[in-house]
């Protein structure tokens, strides 16, 4: 049963070999968050379609510029092309010294009710640690990857508040169309998190948009 949650973004710049000298405080917050997840993790993120990836898989950040190998468990032997959330989940697992991470990716277009339903199912998983991977709006400031949108700061401020308060209702109320307009890829995973239900203590470790994208790091623990 899930008892600990770490919420993190999944930009490739978390990996030092891919982005030397940057994102130090963000990386440190992510490592602090995942250090509380225990030995066996379940990770949830967003993708083009629903995908399940077992811990036997391994991959590489080669497609992002540097061949940094990643394994989803200490016993991984099956190389494959892993989506970015799975790569980051595997990299974080290795940094934390955890045994394994099983990855469940949900379609970016999934409706809030579908996300919450998945969250309810995942709540009873055999793993005790859940890793939730998702970025906020990519439209912060004139140099943002998705171009500037004045609505982005307010959107990510609300996400930060919801994560800090373990406010599942606020996460579940996110409008998929509005999130898509703002380039917020974390909407579906955050709504999976909302499906875990009430009864959590929360702590927000990081919330900023240093590269034009909203990044949030939080931990939730069963109250």
Protein backbone atom coordinates (compact mmCIF):
# COMPACT_ATOMS: atom_id res chain seq x y z
CA UNK A 1 0.00 0.00 0.00
CA UNK A 2 1.30 3.46 -0.89
CA UNK A 3 2.40 5.32 2.24
CA UNK A 4 4.93 7.82 0.87
CA UNK A 5 4.78 10.02 -2.24
CA UNK A 6 7.43 12.13 -3.94
CA UNK A 7 6.27 14.65 -6.54
CA UNK A 8 9.00 15.78 -8.94
CA UNK A 9 9.39 17.23 -12.44
CA UNK A 10 11.24 15.27 -15.12
CA UNK A 11 13.43 17.60 -17.20
CA UNK A 12 16.61 16.01 -18.60
CA UNK A 13 18.59 18.82 -16.93
CA UNK A 14 18.24 16.96 -13.63
CA UNK A 15 21.05 14.71 -14.86
CA UNK A 16 24.39 16.51 -14.29
CA UNK A 17 26.01 14.99 -17.38
CA UNK A 18 23.28 16.53 -19.53
CA UNK A 19 23.32 19.96 -17.89
CA UNK A 20 26.55 20.63 -15.97
CA UNK A 21 26.47 23.50 -13.53
CA UNK A 22 22.72 24.12 -13.58
CA UNK A 23 19.61 23.06 -11.69
CA UNK A 24 21.57 22.29 -8.53
CA UNK A 25 18.85 23.33 -6.07
CA UNK A 26 16.14 21.58 -8.08
CA UNK A 27 18.18 18.40 -8.29
CA UNK A 28 18.89 18.48 -4.55
CA UNK A 29 15.20 18.89 -3.75
CA UNK A 30 14.30 15.92 -5.97
CA UNK A 31 16.91 13.72 -4.34
CA UNK A 32 15.68 14.71 -0.89
CA UNK A 33 12.10 13.87 -1.88
CA UNK A 34 12.84 10.42 -3.30
CA UNK A 35 15.07 9.48 -0.38
CA UNK A 36 11.86 8.92 1.60
CA UNK A 37 10.31 6.38 -0.77
CA UNK A 38 11.95 3.21 0.50
CA UNK A 39 13.34 0.34 -1.57
CA UNK A 40 10.60 -0.49 -4.08
CA UNK A 41 8.87 2.30 -6.00
CA UNK A 42 5.93 2.74 -8.29
CA UNK A 43 6.22 5.71 -10.66
CA UNK A 44 3.46 7.46 -12.58
CA UNK A 45 3.86 9.96 -15.40
CA UNK A 46 2.26 11.05 -18.66
CA UNK A 47 2.87 9.78 -22.19
CA UNK A 48 1.21 9.69 -25.61
CA UNK A 49 -0.68 6.59 -24.52
CA UNK A 50 -1.04 4.25 -21.55
CA UNK A 51 2.19 2.31 -21.01
CA UNK A 52 3.40 -0.06 -18.28
CA UNK A 53 7.15 -0.60 -17.90
CA UNK A 54 8.46 -3.33 -15.64
CA UNK A 55 11.61 -3.00 -13.52
CA UNK A 56 13.54 -5.41 -15.76
CA UNK A 57 13.92 -2.59 -18.32
CA UNK A 58 16.97 -0.43 -18.94
CA UNK A 59 17.61 2.57 -21.17
CA UNK A 60 19.79 5.59 -21.83
CA UNK A 61 19.65 9.38 -22.10
CA UNK A 62 21.49 9.07 -25.41
CA UNK A 63 18.58 10.72 -27.21
CA UNK A 64 19.04 13.80 -25.02
CA UNK A 65 22.68 14.33 -25.91
CA UNK A 66 24.75 12.12 -23.59
CA UNK A 67 24.81 8.33 -23.24
CA UNK A 68 23.95 8.10 -19.54
CA UNK A 69 22.67 4.54 -18.92
CA UNK A 70 19.67 3.98 -16.67
CA UNK A 71 18.26 0.85 -15.09
CA UNK A 72 14.86 0.54 -13.45
CA UNK A 73 16.18 -2.03 -10.99
CA UNK A 74 19.41 -3.52 -9.78
CA UNK A 75 18.58 -6.57 -11.92
CA UNK A 76 17.59 -4.77 -15.14
CA UNK A 77 18.81 -6.58 -18.26
CA UNK A 78 16.36 -5.65 -21.04
CA UNK A 79 17.45 -2.53 -22.98
CA UNK A 80 14.70 -0.53 -24.66
CA UNK A 81 13.78 3.01 -25.66
CA UNK A 82 12.31 4.43 -22.48
CA UNK A 83 10.10 7.55 -22.38
CA UNK A 84 11.58 10.50 -20.52
CA UNK A 85 9.55 10.03 -17.30
CA UNK A 86 10.78 6.44 -17.07
CA UNK A 87 14.38 7.50 -17.68
CA UNK A 88 14.20 10.10 -14.93
CA UNK A 89 12.49 7.62 -12.59
CA UNK A 90 15.30 5.13 -13.19
CA UNK A 91 17.98 7.79 -12.71
CA UNK A 92 16.43 8.95 -9.44
CA UNK A 93 16.17 5.33 -8.26
CA UNK A 94 19.87 4.86 -8.82
CA UNK A 95 20.76 8.08 -7.03
CA UNK A 96 18.63 7.04 -4.05
CA UNK A 97 19.99 3.49 -3.97
CA UNK A 98 16.50 1.98 -4.18
CA UNK A 99 16.02 -1.57 -5.43
CA UNK A 100 13.46 -1.06 -8.21
CA UNK A 101 10.90 1.21 -9.81
CA UNK A 102 7.88 0.04 -11.77
CA UNK A 103 6.55 2.68 -14.17
CA UNK A 104 2.94 3.34 -15.12
CA UNK A 105 2.39 6.06 -17.74
CA UNK A 106 -1.07 7.43 -18.41
CA UNK A 107 -2.18 9.16 -21.61
CA UNK A 108 -1.77 12.93 -21.46
CA UNK A 109 -5.35 13.28 -22.67
CA UNK A 110 -6.86 11.11 -19.93
CA UNK A 111 -9.88 12.69 -18.28
CA UNK A 112 -9.72 13.66 -14.60
CA UNK A 113 -12.06 10.82 -13.62
CA UNK A 114 -9.84 8.30 -15.43
CA UNK A 115 -6.77 9.64 -13.66
CA UNK A 116 -8.44 9.48 -10.26
CA UNK A 117 -9.62 5.93 -10.93
CA UNK A 118 -6.05 4.88 -11.70
CA UNK A 119 -4.90 6.57 -8.51
CA UNK A 120 -7.40 4.57 -6.47
CA UNK A 121 -6.08 1.35 -7.99
CA UNK A 122 -2.45 2.30 -7.49
CA UNK A 123 -3.08 3.18 -3.84
CA UNK A 124 -3.27 -0.54 -3.08
CA UNK A 125 -0.08 -1.44 -4.95
CA UNK A 126 2.46 -3.65 -3.19
CA UNK A 127 5.04 -0.86 -3.33
CA UNK A 128 5.02 1.65 -0.47
CA UNK A 129 6.61 4.55 -2.38
CA UNK A 130 4.94 6.43 -5.25
CA UNK A 131 6.95 8.72 -7.52
CA UNK A 132 4.78 11.25 -9.39
CA UNK A 133 6.54 12.85 -12.37
CA UNK A 134 5.17 15.96 -14.06
CA UNK A 135 6.13 19.48 -15.11
CA UNK A 136 4.11 22.65 -14.70
CA UNK A 137 3.45 25.27 -17.37
CA UNK A 138 6.19 25.79 -19.97
CA UNK A 139 5.07 29.37 -20.60
CA UNK A 140 6.80 31.39 -17.87
CA UNK A 141 8.50 34.51 -19.18
CA UNK A 142 9.64 35.69 -22.62
CA UNK A 143 12.25 32.94 -23.01
CA UNK A 144 9.91 30.10 -22.07
CA UNK A 145 9.89 27.02 -24.34
CA UNK A 146 6.17 27.44 -25.00
CA UNK A 147 6.24 31.27 -25.33
CA UNK A 148 5.04 33.57 -22.56
CA UNK A 149 1.55 33.40 -21.14
CA UNK A 150 0.48 35.73 -18.33
CA UNK A 151 -1.71 32.97 -16.86
CA UNK A 152 1.22 30.62 -16.19
CA UNK A 153 2.38 32.07 -12.84
CA UNK A 154 -1.10 31.88 -11.32
CA UNK A 155 -1.57 28.33 -12.59
CA UNK A 156 1.66 27.07 -11.05
CA UNK A 157 1.08 29.00 -7.84
CA UNK A 158 -2.17 27.07 -7.43
CA UNK A 159 -0.37 23.78 -8.13
CA UNK A 160 2.23 24.59 -5.48
CA UNK A 161 -0.48 25.38 -2.93
CA UNK A 162 -2.34 22.16 -3.69
CA UNK A 163 0.80 20.08 -3.32
CA UNK A 164 1.80 21.86 -0.13
CA UNK A 165 -1.62 21.25 1.43
CA UNK A 166 -2.18 17.74 0.05
CA UNK A 167 -5.30 19.20 -1.52
CA UNK A 168 -6.55 16.34 -3.69
CA UNK A 169 -9.75 18.19 -4.56
CA UNK A 170 -7.82 21.14 -6.01
CA UNK A 171 -5.68 18.83 -8.14
CA UNK A 172 -8.69 16.91 -9.36
CA UNK A 173 -10.39 20.19 -10.33
CA UNK A 174 -7.65 21.10 -12.83
CA UNK A 175 -9.10 21.75 -16.28
CA UNK A 176 -7.36 19.51 -18.86
CA UNK A 177 -7.85 22.01 -21.68
CA UNK A 178 -6.49 24.92 -19.64
CA UNK A 179 -3.48 22.84 -18.55
CA UNK A 180 -2.82 21.89 -22.17
CA UNK A 181 -2.99 25.53 -23.26
CA UNK A 182 -0.32 26.34 -20.70
CA UNK A 183 1.86 23.37 -21.65
CA UNK A 184 1.55 21.76 -18.21
CA UNK A 185 2.43 18.11 -18.77
CA UNK A 186 1.95 17.19 -15.12
CA UNK A 187 -1.82 17.58 -15.09
CA UNK A 188 -2.69 13.90 -15.58
CA UNK A 189 -0.10 12.51 -13.09
CA UNK A 190 -1.17 15.06 -10.47
CA UNK A 191 -4.76 13.92 -10.89
CA UNK A 192 -3.65 10.31 -10.46
CA UNK A 193 -2.11 11.48 -7.20
CA UNK A 194 -5.44 13.07 -6.27
CA UNK A 195 -7.05 9.65 -6.65
CA UNK A 196 -5.14 8.38 -3.62
CA UNK A 197 -7.72 10.17 -1.52
CA UNK A 198 -7.47 12.14 1.76
CA UNK A 199 -5.36 11.57 4.85
CA UNK A 200 -1.93 12.94 3.93
CA UNK A 201 0.67 15.23 5.47
CA UNK A 202 2.49 17.31 2.86
CA UNK A 203 5.65 19.35 2.50
CA UNK A 204 6.62 21.52 -0.47
CA UNK A 205 10.38 21.37 -1.02
CA UNK A 206 10.72 23.43 -4.20
CA UNK A 207 8.55 25.53 -6.50
CA UNK A 208 9.98 27.82 -9.19
CA UNK A 209 10.27 28.34 -12.93
CA UNK A 210 14.01 28.95 -13.43
CA UNK A 211 14.06 27.94 -17.10
CA UNK A 212 10.60 29.12 -18.13
CA UNK A 213 8.93 25.91 -16.91
CA UNK A 214 7.17 25.42 -13.59
CA UNK A 215 8.88 22.78 -11.46
CA UNK A 216 7.43 21.54 -8.16
CA UNK A 217 8.89 19.11 -5.64
CA UNK A 218 6.79 17.86 -2.74
CA UNK A 219 6.46 14.91 -0.41
CA UNK A 220 3.25 13.43 0.96
CA UNK A 221 3.12 10.94 3.82
CA UNK A 222 0.18 9.10 5.33
CA UNK A 223 -1.15 11.04 8.30
